[in-house]
């Protein structure tokens, strides 16, 4: 039997998410001799399968889920199980997102397989490739080697090459239909909690606060710094929202907003993978943290080891002084 690498397509607002191309890149590094195939589960009538096949040159399976009018984890698990039962595969690669973590570990259990989340890199081991995932808030990396014949891997977005592969020929689109319904649950619909901030969505510069700002009143420094830029916006990590200091619409991370501004300033943010996944697409990442071992520094272009409140206050004072002297008008 020919074993394959199955890639679970990722989409955002019915558009192909760039992490799909990261999964294609990983498939070629992880098992270059395996044939790769993309599966696109959907309950919608319009999708991106044709575009994906044309862009990657790979076979794309449109898995049309007719038993549900919207996403629910049990139906998607059953549909994917039905699809994978027809395949001989070594790896299933998917993005480490909230939705995928909702049902893929249970899917792996059905196949008696290993499921490894937050995979951030791959390297050659003594016999086979080993997988790396961050532990202890990103300060260390666990090196793992699956012992099962099949492995379900949840990949941390931003870890691999996201450029679409160059393909001269479009891949084939194969149709699959799943008509089953959930076995033990009934979906009553989905409600969006809070709309994301339009300022944050369109910002060129994002100034983001973490627990390192210490006090709620120090958010004023974050707001003032963001306001220095024509298209600047404040943001934060999840703990700031959990403490009630800012609305969740300002949260950046796996369970919040995904942003990709020209400049991302991480102020007092430790750098958990949940937060990194929401801002790793930024063009320039500036981190300010007094802890020299903060994992955010591993993902930053400019690392400033300093107490964040003191740094921002000095930064604002210098800018104000230079502005009064007519030396600068735009800090960017």
C-alpha atoms as a PDB file:
ATOM      1  CA  UNK A   1       0.000   0.000   0.000  1.00  0.00           C
ATOM      2  CA  UNK A   2       1.212   3.492  -0.830  1.00  0.00           C
ATOM      3  CA  UNK A   3       1.190   5.635   2.290  1.00  0.00           C
ATOM      4  CA  UNK A   4       0.284   9.276   2.056  1.00  0.00           C
ATOM      5  CA  UNK A   5       0.629  12.468   4.005  1.00  0.00           C
ATOM      6  CA  UNK A   6      -2.828  13.974   4.439  1.00  0.00           C
ATOM      7  CA  UNK A   7      -2.998  17.760   4.830  1.00  0.00           C
ATOM      8  CA  UNK A   8      -6.089  19.269   6.431  1.00  0.00           C
ATOM      9  CA  UNK A   9      -6.777  22.589   4.686  1.00  0.00           C
ATOM     10  CA  UNK A  10      -7.244  25.671   6.845  1.00  0.00           C
ATOM     11  CA  UNK A  11      -9.506  28.569   5.954  1.00  0.00           C
ATOM     12  CA  UNK A  12     -10.437  31.943   7.404  1.00  0.00           C
ATOM     13  CA  UNK A  13     -13.657  33.642   6.306  1.00  0.00           C
ATOM     14  CA  UNK A  14     -13.880  31.200   3.363  1.00  0.00           C
ATOM     15  CA  UNK A  15     -10.358  32.124   2.217  1.00  0.00           C
ATOM     16  CA  UNK A  16      -7.348  29.810   2.177  1.00  0.00           C
ATOM     17  CA  UNK A  17      -5.307  30.435   5.300  1.00  0.00           C
ATOM     18  CA  UNK A  18      -1.547  30.651   4.692  1.00  0.00           C
ATOM     19  CA  UNK A  19      -0.938  27.957   7.308  1.00  0.00           C
ATOM     20  CA  UNK A  20      -2.193  25.474   4.679  1.00  0.00           C
ATOM     21  CA  UNK A  21       0.961  26.183   2.680  1.00  0.00           C
ATOM     22  CA  UNK A  22       3.036  25.734   5.835  1.00  0.00           C
ATOM     23  CA  UNK A  23       1.543  22.250   6.117  1.00  0.00           C
ATOM     24  CA  UNK A  24       2.533  21.527   2.498  1.00  0.00           C
ATOM     25  CA  UNK A  25       6.075  22.665   3.291  1.00  0.00           C
ATOM     26  CA  UNK A  26       6.206  20.419   6.365  1.00  0.00           C
ATOM     27  CA  UNK A  27       4.843  17.441   4.401  1.00  0.00           C
ATOM     28  CA  UNK A  28       7.784  17.667   2.024  1.00  0.00           C
ATOM     29  CA  UNK A  29      10.304  17.935   4.869  1.00  0.00           C
ATOM     30  CA  UNK A  30       8.738  15.246   7.012  1.00  0.00           C
ATOM     31  CA  UNK A  31       8.115  12.553   4.406  1.00  0.00           C
ATOM     32  CA  UNK A  32       9.504  13.587   0.988  1.00  0.00           C
ATOM     33  CA  UNK A  33       8.822  10.117  -0.453  1.00  0.00           C
ATOM     34  CA  UNK A  34       5.168  10.158   0.563  1.00  0.00           C
ATOM     35  CA  UNK A  35       2.492  11.325  -1.818  1.00  0.00           C
ATOM     36  CA  UNK A  36       0.710  14.338  -0.322  1.00  0.00           C
ATOM     37  CA  UNK A  37      -3.004  14.979  -0.555  1.00  0.00           C
ATOM     38  CA  UNK A  38      -5.140  17.815   0.801  1.00  0.00           C
ATOM     39  CA  UNK A  39      -8.557  17.275   2.340  1.00  0.00           C
ATOM     40  CA  UNK A  40     -10.998  20.171   2.566  1.00  0.00           C
ATOM     41  CA  UNK A  41     -13.957  19.373   4.859  1.00  0.00           C
ATOM     42  CA  UNK A  42     -16.819  21.799   4.409  1.00  0.00           C
ATOM     43  CA  UNK A  43     -20.533  22.136   5.019  1.00  0.00           C
ATOM     44  CA  UNK A  44     -20.805  25.125   2.661  1.00  0.00           C
ATOM     45  CA  UNK A  45     -21.767  25.194  -1.009  1.00  0.00           C
ATOM     46  CA  UNK A  46     -18.857  27.466  -1.932  1.00  0.00           C
ATOM     47  CA  UNK A  47     -15.253  26.665  -1.062  1.00  0.00           C
ATOM     48  CA  UNK A  48     -11.647  27.072  -2.223  1.00  0.00           C
ATOM     49  CA  UNK A  49     -10.876  23.523  -3.392  1.00  0.00           C
ATOM     50  CA  UNK A  50     -10.380  24.453  -7.048  1.00  0.00           C
ATOM     51  CA  UNK A  51      -8.106  27.345  -6.125  1.00  0.00           C
ATOM     52  CA  UNK A  52      -6.140  25.143  -3.730  1.00  0.00           C
ATOM     53  CA  UNK A  53      -5.630  22.422  -6.344  1.00  0.00           C
ATOM     54  CA  UNK A  54      -4.483  24.984  -8.893  1.00  0.00           C
ATOM     55  CA  UNK A  55      -2.093  26.696  -6.472  1.00  0.00           C
ATOM     56  CA  UNK A  56      -0.432  23.597  -4.976  1.00  0.00           C
ATOM     57  CA  UNK A  57      -0.644  21.090  -7.829  1.00  0.00           C
ATOM     58  CA  UNK A  58      -1.792  18.486  -5.287  1.00  0.00           C
ATOM     59  CA  UNK A  59      -4.905  16.347  -5.262  1.00  0.00           C
ATOM     60  CA  UNK A  60      -7.557  18.071  -3.169  1.00  0.00           C
ATOM     61  CA  UNK A  61     -10.450  16.082  -1.714  1.00  0.00           C
ATOM     62  CA  UNK A  62     -13.600  18.125  -1.204  1.00  0.00           C
ATOM     63  CA  UNK A  63     -15.258  16.436   1.770  1.00  0.00           C
ATOM     64  CA  UNK A  64     -18.819  17.759   1.598  1.00  0.00           C
ATOM     65  CA  UNK A  65     -20.538  17.300   4.965  1.00  0.00           C
ATOM     66  CA  UNK A  66     -24.272  17.216   4.264  1.00  0.00           C
ATOM     67  CA  UNK A  67     -25.381  16.019   7.671  1.00  0.00           C
ATOM     68  CA  UNK A  68     -24.823  19.428   9.266  1.00  0.00           C
ATOM     69  CA  UNK A  69     -25.499  23.011   8.250  1.00  0.00           C
ATOM     70  CA  UNK A  70     -22.598  24.303  10.320  1.00  0.00           C
ATOM     71  CA  UNK A  71     -19.503  23.132  12.144  1.00  0.00           C
ATOM     72  CA  UNK A  72     -19.863  20.764  15.054  1.00  0.00           C
ATOM     73  CA  UNK A  73     -16.988  18.619  16.352  1.00  0.00           C
ATOM     74  CA  UNK A  74     -18.719  15.248  16.356  1.00  0.00           C
ATOM     75  CA  UNK A  75     -19.943  15.457  12.761  1.00  0.00           C
ATOM     76  CA  UNK A  76     -16.539  16.648  11.527  1.00  0.00           C
ATOM     77  CA  UNK A  77     -14.817  13.832  13.432  1.00  0.00           C
ATOM     78  CA  UNK A  78     -17.153  11.248  11.915  1.00  0.00           C
ATOM     79  CA  UNK A  79     -16.743  12.707   8.416  1.00  0.00           C
ATOM     80  CA  UNK A  80     -12.938  12.742   8.663  1.00  0.00           C
ATOM     81  CA  UNK A  81     -12.952   9.203  10.034  1.00  0.00           C
ATOM     82  CA  UNK A  82     -15.049   8.045   7.069  1.00  0.00           C
ATOM     83  CA  UNK A  83     -12.611   9.744   4.683  1.00  0.00           C
ATOM     84  CA  UNK A  84      -9.443   8.443   6.363  1.00  0.00           C
ATOM     85  CA  UNK A  85     -10.803   4.887   6.507  1.00  0.00           C
ATOM     86  CA  UNK A  86     -10.314   4.831   2.727  1.00  0.00           C
ATOM     87  CA  UNK A  87      -6.710   6.034   2.893  1.00  0.00           C
ATOM     88  CA  UNK A  88      -3.395   4.497   3.779  1.00  0.00           C
ATOM     89  CA  UNK A  89      -1.606   7.345   5.495  1.00  0.00           C
ATOM     90  CA  UNK A  90       1.398   7.927   7.730  1.00  0.00           C
ATOM     91  CA  UNK A  91       0.716  11.511   8.798  1.00  0.00           C
ATOM     92  CA  UNK A  92      -2.247  13.803   9.079  1.00  0.00           C
ATOM     93  CA  UNK A  93      -1.089  17.414   9.312  1.00  0.00           C
ATOM     94  CA  UNK A  94      -3.392  20.151  10.593  1.00  0.00           C
ATOM     95  CA  UNK A  95      -3.066  23.642  12.028  1.00  0.00           C
ATOM     96  CA  UNK A  96      -2.976  23.874  15.818  1.00  0.00           C
ATOM     97  CA  UNK A  97      -6.213  25.851  16.042  1.00  0.00           C
ATOM     98  CA  UNK A  98      -9.057  25.809  18.527  1.00  0.00           C
ATOM     99  CA  UNK A  99     -11.341  24.006  16.084  1.00  0.00           C
ATOM    100  CA  UNK A 100      -8.837  21.299  15.186  1.00  0.00           C
ATOM    101  CA  UNK A 101      -7.969  20.686  18.832  1.00  0.00           C
ATOM    102  CA  UNK A 102     -11.694  20.274  19.371  1.00  0.00           C
ATOM    103  CA  UNK A 103     -11.943  16.965  17.499  1.00  0.00           C
ATOM    104  CA  UNK A 104      -8.631  15.750  16.036  1.00  0.00           C
ATOM    105  CA  UNK A 105      -7.288  14.195  19.286  1.00  0.00           C
ATOM    106  CA  UNK A 106     -10.501  12.147  19.457  1.00  0.00           C
ATOM    107  CA  UNK A 107     -10.050  11.250  15.787  1.00  0.00           C
ATOM    108  CA  UNK A 108      -6.492  10.085  16.471  1.00  0.00           C
ATOM    109  CA  UNK A 109      -7.801   7.955  19.348  1.00  0.00           C
ATOM    110  CA  UNK A 110     -10.255   6.261  16.961  1.00  0.00           C
ATOM    111  CA  UNK A 111      -7.307   5.184  14.812  1.00  0.00           C
ATOM    112  CA  UNK A 112      -5.182   4.164  17.800  1.00  0.00           C
ATOM    113  CA  UNK A 113      -2.686   6.824  16.727  1.00  0.00           C
ATOM    114  CA  UNK A 114      -0.440   9.397  18.313  1.00  0.00           C
ATOM    115  CA  UNK A 115      -1.572  13.031  18.410  1.00  0.00           C
ATOM    116  CA  UNK A 116       1.091  15.699  18.991  1.00  0.00           C
ATOM    117  CA  UNK A 117       0.059  19.345  19.281  1.00  0.00           C
ATOM    118  CA  UNK A 118       2.000  22.605  18.909  1.00  0.00           C
ATOM    119  CA  UNK A 119       4.624  21.107  16.569  1.00  0.00           C
ATOM    120  CA  UNK A 120       7.033  23.927  15.708  1.00  0.00           C
ATOM    121  CA  UNK A 121       9.885  22.194  13.850  1.00  0.00           C
ATOM    122  CA  UNK A 122      11.193  18.890  12.540  1.00  0.00           C
ATOM    123  CA  UNK A 123      14.736  17.535  12.624  1.00  0.00           C
ATOM    124  CA  UNK A 124      16.511  14.344  11.667  1.00  0.00           C
ATOM    125  CA  UNK A 125      16.814  11.834  14.519  1.00  0.00           C
ATOM    126  CA  UNK A 126      18.934   8.689  14.731  1.00  0.00           C
ATOM    127  CA  UNK A 127      16.452   6.699  12.633  1.00  0.00           C
ATOM    128  CA  UNK A 128      13.490   8.883  11.702  1.00  0.00           C
ATOM    129  CA  UNK A 129      12.484  12.493  11.831  1.00  0.00           C
ATOM    130  CA  UNK A 130      11.853  13.955  15.268  1.00  0.00           C
ATOM    131  CA  UNK A 131       9.241  16.577  16.067  1.00  0.00           C
ATOM    132  CA  UNK A 132       9.861  19.627  18.240  1.00  0.00           C
ATOM    133  CA  UNK A 133       7.251  21.340  20.389  1.00  0.00           C
ATOM    134  CA  UNK A 134       7.728  24.139  22.948  1.00  0.00           C
ATOM    135  CA  UNK A 135       7.317  23.412  26.657  1.00  0.00           C
ATOM    136  CA  UNK A 136       7.590  25.516  29.835  1.00  0.00           C
ATOM    137  CA  UNK A 137       6.224  28.649  28.118  1.00  0.00           C
ATOM    138  CA  UNK A 138       8.614  28.227  25.198  1.00  0.00           C
ATOM    139  CA  UNK A 139      11.836  28.195  27.232  1.00  0.00           C
ATOM    140  CA  UNK A 140      12.555  24.574  26.250  1.00  0.00           C
ATOM    141  CA  UNK A 141      11.700  22.293  23.347  1.00  0.00           C
ATOM    142  CA  UNK A 142      10.537  18.711  23.665  1.00  0.00           C
ATOM    143  CA  UNK A 143      11.988  16.364  21.025  1.00  0.00           C
ATOM    144  CA  UNK A 144       9.448  13.677  20.164  1.00  0.00           C
ATOM    145  CA  UNK A 145       9.400  10.655  17.884  1.00  0.00           C
ATOM    146  CA  UNK A 146       6.044   8.961  17.196  1.00  0.00           C
ATOM    147  CA  UNK A 147       6.037   5.246  17.929  1.00  0.00           C
ATOM    148  CA  UNK A 148       2.825   4.501  16.041  1.00  0.00           C
ATOM    149  CA  UNK A 149       2.658   3.860  12.294  1.00  0.00           C
ATOM    150  CA  UNK A 150       0.355   6.843  11.907  1.00  0.00           C
ATOM    151  CA  UNK A 151       0.571  10.223  13.622  1.00  0.00           C
ATOM    152  CA  UNK A 152      -1.785  13.187  13.825  1.00  0.00           C
ATOM    153  CA  UNK A 153       0.239  16.398  14.079  1.00  0.00           C
ATOM    154  CA  UNK A 154      -1.132  19.816  15.014  1.00  0.00           C
ATOM    155  CA  UNK A 155       1.255  22.437  13.648  1.00  0.00           C
ATOM    156  CA  UNK A 156       1.858  25.793  15.304  1.00  0.00           C
ATOM    157  CA  UNK A 157       1.083  28.507  12.701  1.00  0.00           C
ATOM    158  CA  UNK A 158       4.112  30.542  11.672  1.00  0.00           C
ATOM    159  CA  UNK A 159       6.596  27.682  12.115  1.00  0.00           C
ATOM    160  CA  UNK A 160       7.181  26.732   8.471  1.00  0.00           C
ATOM    161  CA  UNK A 161       7.456  28.309   5.020  1.00  0.00           C
ATOM    162  CA  UNK A 162       4.104  29.870   4.126  1.00  0.00           C
ATOM    163  CA  UNK A 163       4.753  30.725   0.471  1.00  0.00           C
ATOM    164  CA  UNK A 164       2.509  28.798  -1.945  1.00  0.00           C
ATOM    165  CA  UNK A 165       4.506  26.121  -3.779  1.00  0.00           C
ATOM    166  CA  UNK A 166       5.230  26.756  -7.454  1.00  0.00           C
ATOM    167  CA  UNK A 167       3.267  24.308  -9.596  1.00  0.00           C
ATOM    168  CA  UNK A 168       2.931  24.223 -13.365  1.00  0.00           C
ATOM    169  CA  UNK A 169      -0.045  21.860 -13.366  1.00  0.00           C
ATOM    170  CA  UNK A 170      -3.231  22.077 -11.346  1.00  0.00           C
ATOM    171  CA  UNK A 171      -4.035  19.172  -9.084  1.00  0.00           C
ATOM    172  CA  UNK A 172      -7.146  17.037  -9.305  1.00  0.00           C
ATOM    173  CA  UNK A 173     -10.264  17.767  -7.250  1.00  0.00           C
ATOM    174  CA  UNK A 174     -11.930  14.631  -5.879  1.00  0.00           C
ATOM    175  CA  UNK A 175     -15.447  14.691  -4.440  1.00  0.00           C
ATOM    176  CA  UNK A 176     -16.417  12.923  -1.198  1.00  0.00           C
ATOM    177  CA  UNK A 177     -19.762  13.242   0.528  1.00  0.00           C
ATOM    178  CA  UNK A 178     -20.629  12.488   4.141  1.00  0.00           C
ATOM    179  CA  UNK A 179     -24.323  12.374   5.003  1.00  0.00           C
ATOM    180  CA  UNK A 180     -24.187  11.184   8.606  1.00  0.00           C
ATOM    181  CA  UNK A 181     -25.454  13.162  11.572  1.00  0.00           C
ATOM    182  CA  UNK A 182     -24.072  13.582  15.100  1.00  0.00           C
ATOM    183  CA  UNK A 183     -24.491  10.479  17.214  1.00  0.00           C
ATOM    184  CA  UNK A 184     -25.068  12.091  20.584  1.00  0.00           C
ATOM    185  CA  UNK A 185     -25.307  15.887  20.255  1.00  0.00           C
ATOM    186  CA  UNK A 186     -27.514  18.394  18.450  1.00  0.00           C
ATOM    187  CA  UNK A 187     -26.098  21.762  17.469  1.00  0.00           C
ATOM    188  CA  UNK A 188     -28.261  24.776  18.274  1.00  0.00           C
ATOM    189  CA  UNK A 189     -26.052  27.179  16.341  1.00  0.00           C
ATOM    190  CA  UNK A 190     -23.024  29.333  16.996  1.00  0.00           C
ATOM    191  CA  UNK A 191     -22.898  32.851  18.380  1.00  0.00           C
ATOM    192  CA  UNK A 192     -19.972  35.207  18.011  1.00  0.00           C
ATOM    193  CA  UNK A 193     -19.043  36.640  21.382  1.00  0.00           C
ATOM    194  CA  UNK A 194     -17.546  40.012  20.484  1.00  0.00           C
ATOM    195  CA  UNK A 195     -16.671  41.736  17.247  1.00  0.00           C
ATOM    196  CA  UNK A 196     -12.981  42.394  16.777  1.00  0.00           C
ATOM    197  CA  UNK A 197     -11.733  45.949  16.966  1.00  0.00           C
ATOM    198  CA  UNK A 198     -11.696  47.579  13.516  1.00  0.00           C
ATOM    199  CA  UNK A 199      -8.701  49.686  14.596  1.00  0.00           C
ATOM    200  CA  UNK A 200      -6.806  46.525  15.484  1.00  0.00           C
ATOM    201  CA  UNK A 201      -7.846  44.757  12.301  1.00  0.00           C
ATOM    202  CA  UNK A 202      -6.546  47.576  10.068  1.00  0.00           C
ATOM    203  CA  UNK A 203      -3.558  48.719  12.138  1.00  0.00           C
ATOM    204  CA  UNK A 204      -0.077  49.073  10.683  1.00  0.00           C
ATOM    205  CA  UNK A 205       1.451  49.286  14.170  1.00  0.00           C
ATOM    206  CA  UNK A 206       0.101  47.252  17.101  1.00  0.00           C
ATOM    207  CA  UNK A 207       1.241  47.993  20.660  1.00  0.00           C
ATOM    208  CA  UNK A 208       0.268  45.034  22.830  1.00  0.00           C
ATOM    209  CA  UNK A 209       0.195  44.732  26.621  1.00  0.00           C
ATOM    210  CA  UNK A 210       0.948  41.688  28.754  1.00  0.00           C
ATOM    211  CA  UNK A 211       1.043  41.007  32.473  1.00  0.00           C
ATOM    212  CA  UNK A 212       4.425  42.712  32.627  1.00  0.00           C
ATOM    213  CA  UNK A 213       2.710  46.130  32.670  1.00  0.00           C
ATOM    214  CA  UNK A 214       1.822  45.245  36.305  1.00  0.00           C
ATOM    215  CA  UNK A 215      -1.076  47.668  36.881  1.00  0.00           C
ATOM    216  CA  UNK A 216      -4.244  48.499  34.946  1.00  0.00           C
ATOM    217  CA  UNK A 217      -3.467  52.204  34.927  1.00  0.00           C
ATOM    218  CA  UNK A 218      -0.304  51.459  32.947  1.00  0.00           C
ATOM    219  CA  UNK A 219      -2.519  50.641  29.979  1.00  0.00           C
ATOM    220  CA  UNK A 220      -2.550  54.386  29.435  1.00  0.00           C
ATOM    221  CA  UNK A 221       1.100  54.121  28.346  1.00  0.00           C
ATOM    222  CA  UNK A 222       0.129  51.443  25.819  1.00  0.00           C
ATOM    223  CA  UNK A 223      -2.685  53.605  24.470  1.00  0.00           C
ATOM    224  CA  UNK A 224      -0.472  56.701  24.219  1.00  0.00           C
ATOM    225  CA  UNK A 225       2.267  54.768  22.425  1.00  0.00           C
ATOM    226  CA  UNK A 226      -0.207  53.344  19.913  1.00  0.00           C
ATOM    227  CA  UNK A 227      -1.703  56.792  19.300  1.00  0.00           C
ATOM    228  CA  UNK A 228       1.712  58.120  18.204  1.00  0.00           C
ATOM    229  CA  UNK A 229       1.298  56.233  14.924  1.00  0.00           C
ATOM    230  CA  UNK A 230      -1.220  57.304  12.232  1.00  0.00           C
ATOM    231  CA  UNK A 231      -2.596  53.747  12.004  1.00  0.00           C
ATOM    232  CA  UNK A 232      -1.697  52.429  15.419  1.00  0.00           C
ATOM    233  CA  UNK A 233      -3.825  50.313  17.729  1.00  0.00           C
ATOM    234  CA  UNK A 234      -3.501  48.918  21.222  1.00  0.00           C
ATOM    235  CA  UNK A 235      -3.922  45.196  21.901  1.00  0.00           C
ATOM    236  CA  UNK A 236      -3.190  42.702  24.656  1.00  0.00           C
ATOM    237  CA  UNK A 237      -2.588  39.091  25.621  1.00  0.00           C
ATOM    238  CA  UNK A 238      -5.370  37.001  27.119  1.00  0.00           C
ATOM    239  CA  UNK A 239      -4.511  37.516  30.829  1.00  0.00           C
ATOM    240  CA  UNK A 240      -5.215  41.244  30.436  1.00  0.00           C
ATOM    241  CA  UNK A 241      -8.727  40.427  29.200  1.00  0.00           C
ATOM    242  CA  UNK A 242      -9.266  37.735  31.831  1.00  0.00           C
ATOM    243  CA  UNK A 243      -8.507  40.309  34.536  1.00  0.00           C
ATOM    244  CA  UNK A 244     -11.099  42.643  33.012  1.00  0.00           C
ATOM    245  CA  UNK A 245      -8.618  45.369  32.068  1.00  0.00           C
ATOM    246  CA  UNK A 246      -9.577  45.334  28.366  1.00  0.00           C
ATOM    247  CA  UNK A 247     -12.404  43.856  26.280  1.00  0.00           C
ATOM    248  CA  UNK A 248     -11.713  40.547  24.556  1.00  0.00           C
ATOM    249  CA  UNK A 249     -11.949  42.268  21.166  1.00  0.00           C
ATOM    250  CA  UNK A 250      -8.414  43.540  21.845  1.00  0.00           C
ATOM    251  CA  UNK A 251      -6.996  40.083  22.554  1.00  0.00           C
ATOM    252  CA  UNK A 252      -4.342  38.753  20.182  1.00  0.00           C
ATOM    253  CA  UNK A 253      -3.743  35.020  20.137  1.00  0.00           C
ATOM    254  CA  UNK A 254      -5.127  31.617  19.366  1.00  0.00           C
ATOM    255  CA  UNK A 255      -8.498  32.345  20.964  1.00  0.00           C
ATOM    256  CA  UNK A 256      -8.502  36.015  19.949  1.00  0.00           C
ATOM    257  CA  UNK A 257      -7.479  38.055  16.916  1.00  0.00           C
ATOM    258  CA  UNK A 258      -4.807  37.119  14.399  1.00  0.00           C
ATOM    259  CA  UNK A 259      -2.889  40.216  13.277  1.00  0.00           C
ATOM    260  CA  UNK A 260      -0.072  40.844  10.805  1.00  0.00           C
ATOM    261  CA  UNK A 261       0.872  44.535  11.079  1.00  0.00           C
ATOM    262  CA  UNK A 262       4.062  46.129   9.827  1.00  0.00           C
ATOM    263  CA  UNK A 263       5.248  46.509  13.449  1.00  0.00           C
ATOM    264  CA  UNK A 264       4.133  44.554  16.515  1.00  0.00           C
ATOM    265  CA  UNK A 265       5.347  45.820  19.904  1.00  0.00           C
ATOM    266  CA  UNK A 266       5.013  43.184  22.625  1.00  0.00           C
ATOM    267  CA  UNK A 267       5.134  45.023  25.962  1.00  0.00           C
ATOM    268  CA  UNK A 268       5.586  42.805  29.000  1.00  0.00           C
ATOM    269  CA  UNK A 269       4.389  39.696  27.133  1.00  0.00           C
ATOM    270  CA  UNK A 270       6.083  36.408  28.046  1.00  0.00           C
ATOM    271  CA  UNK A 271       5.478  34.759  24.669  1.00  0.00           C
ATOM    272  CA  UNK A 272       3.201  31.740  25.098  1.00  0.00           C
ATOM    273  CA  UNK A 273       2.570  29.799  21.907  1.00  0.00           C
ATOM    274  CA  UNK A 274      -1.107  30.736  22.136  1.00  0.00           C
ATOM    275  CA  UNK A 275      -0.133  34.390  21.802  1.00  0.00           C
ATOM    276  CA  UNK A 276       2.620  33.814  19.227  1.00  0.00           C
ATOM    277  CA  UNK A 277       0.155  32.110  16.895  1.00  0.00           C
ATOM    278  CA  UNK A 278      -1.859  35.328  16.722  1.00  0.00           C
ATOM    279  CA  UNK A 279       0.993  37.702  15.807  1.00  0.00           C
ATOM    280  CA  UNK A 280       3.740  35.640  14.164  1.00  0.00           C
ATOM    281  CA  UNK A 281       2.819  37.042  10.737  1.00  0.00           C
ATOM    282  CA  UNK A 282       3.940  40.556  11.745  1.00  0.00           C
ATOM    283  CA  UNK A 283       6.674  42.048   9.546  1.00  0.00           C
ATOM    284  CA  UNK A 284       8.732  43.425  12.469  1.00  0.00           C
ATOM    285  CA  UNK A 285       8.358  42.220  16.058  1.00  0.00           C
ATOM    286  CA  UNK A 286       9.735  44.341  18.902  1.00  0.00           C
ATOM    287  CA  UNK A 287       9.713  42.765  22.367  1.00  0.00           C
ATOM    288  CA  UNK A 288      10.179  44.634  25.655  1.00  0.00           C
ATOM    289  CA  UNK A 289      10.604  42.434  28.712  1.00  0.00           C
ATOM    290  CA  UNK A 290      12.769  42.561  31.823  1.00  0.00           C
ATOM    291  CA  UNK A 291      13.183  38.764  31.835  1.00  0.00           C
ATOM    292  CA  UNK A 292      16.192  37.821  29.665  1.00  0.00           C
ATOM    293  CA  UNK A 293      14.770  34.312  29.333  1.00  0.00           C
ATOM    294  CA  UNK A 294      11.336  35.408  28.092  1.00  0.00           C
ATOM    295  CA  UNK A 295      10.346  33.175  25.191  1.00  0.00           C
ATOM    296  CA  UNK A 296       8.978  36.171  23.256  1.00  0.00           C
ATOM    297  CA  UNK A 297      12.605  37.047  22.469  1.00  0.00           C
ATOM    298  CA  UNK A 298      12.890  33.842  20.422  1.00  0.00           C
ATOM    299  CA  UNK A 299      10.370  35.235  17.943  1.00  0.00           C
ATOM    300  CA  UNK A 300      11.392  38.899  17.920  1.00  0.00           C
ATOM    301  CA  UNK A 301      13.470  40.955  15.507  1.00  0.00           C
ATOM    302  CA  UNK A 302      14.359  43.552  18.171  1.00  0.00           C
ATOM    303  CA  UNK A 303      14.740  42.457  21.806  1.00  0.00           C
ATOM    304  CA  UNK A 304      14.801  45.069  24.577  1.00  0.00           C
ATOM    305  CA  UNK A 305      15.586  43.819  28.074  1.00  0.00           C
ATOM    306  CA  UNK A 306      14.042  46.492  30.257  1.00  0.00           C
ATOM    307  CA  UNK A 307      11.203  47.063  32.686  1.00  0.00           C
ATOM    308  CA  UNK A 308       8.366  47.860  30.280  1.00  0.00           C
ATOM    309  CA  UNK A 309       6.734  50.750  32.182  1.00  0.00           C
ATOM    310  CA  UNK A 310      10.038  52.610  32.558  1.00  0.00           C
ATOM    311  CA  UNK A 311      10.901  52.034  28.907  1.00  0.00           C
ATOM    312  CA  UNK A 312       7.562  53.263  27.560  1.00  0.00           C
ATOM    313  CA  UNK A 313       7.590  56.328  29.813  1.00  0.00           C
ATOM    314  CA  UNK A 314      11.101  57.237  28.630  1.00  0.00           C
ATOM    315  CA  UNK A 315      10.111  56.547  25.017  1.00  0.00           C
ATOM    316  CA  UNK A 316       7.094  58.868  25.281  1.00  0.00           C
ATOM    317  CA  UNK A 317       9.100  61.577  27.066  1.00  0.00           C
ATOM    318  CA  UNK A 318      11.831  61.567  24.406  1.00  0.00           C
ATOM    319  CA  UNK A 319       9.264  61.688  21.625  1.00  0.00           C
ATOM    320  CA  UNK A 320       7.418  64.590  23.280  1.00  0.00           C
ATOM    321  CA  UNK A 321      10.670  66.509  23.764  1.00  0.00           C
ATOM    322  CA  UNK A 322      11.748  65.992  20.153  1.00  0.00           C
ATOM    323  CA  UNK A 323       8.289  66.961  18.896  1.00  0.00           C
ATOM    324  CA  UNK A 324       8.446  70.257  20.808  1.00  0.00           C
ATOM    325  CA  UNK A 325      11.805  70.951  19.174  1.00  0.00           C
ATOM    326  CA  UNK A 326      10.360  70.141  15.748  1.00  0.00           C
ATOM    327  CA  UNK A 327      12.776  67.261  15.203  1.00  0.00           C
ATOM    328  CA  UNK A 328      10.200  64.576  14.529  1.00  0.00           C
ATOM    329  CA  UNK A 329       6.562  64.225  13.604  1.00  0.00           C
ATOM    330  CA  UNK A 330       6.236  60.519  12.901  1.00  0.00           C
ATOM    331  CA  UNK A 331       7.904  57.938  15.187  1.00  0.00           C
ATOM    332  CA  UNK A 332       7.780  55.316  12.428  1.00  0.00           C
END
